Amino acid sequence: MRLEASAHNPGDKMYIAVTPTGPPSVQEPEDFRRLSIVASTGQSPSAVLDALLSANLAVVESTPETIKLDVSAFRDAARAALSATPTPEWETSFAAMLDYAQHKGWYEPDTGTVAAHIEWTDAAR
């Protein structure tokens, strides 16, 4: 899901880091401008999806080309990645991100899923 067009720079969006070692983790949980999955170019799309499925972040209807995140699990993971307890402002911003995604056709409230794309990087973060 792209909330605005910008170059890929660390710290410019919320993302789920998927590495060959360790479970997927939400990074930049207070930046609601963009959402993606970031993986190293050495991983296959299927391996990235498998990691997300194993962590219960993706739903089984996902494919490597169309990853659908379970919004409830994603929200919980984003909350856990915060350095403090989520504020009401954080909850409002998360909801606004989903509202924007719904307007773009990326969020399906009836299934509780939001689409996310994979961004490939030379180095896992």
Foldseek 3Di string as FASTA:
>chain_A
DAQDDDDDDPLQAWEWFDEPDDAIAIDNLQHLRGYAYEYAPVDDLVVRLVSCVVQQQFDPVADSAKTKGQQVSVVVRSQVPDPDHDDPVSVVSSVVSLVSQVVVVQADVVVRIGTHYYDYDNDGD
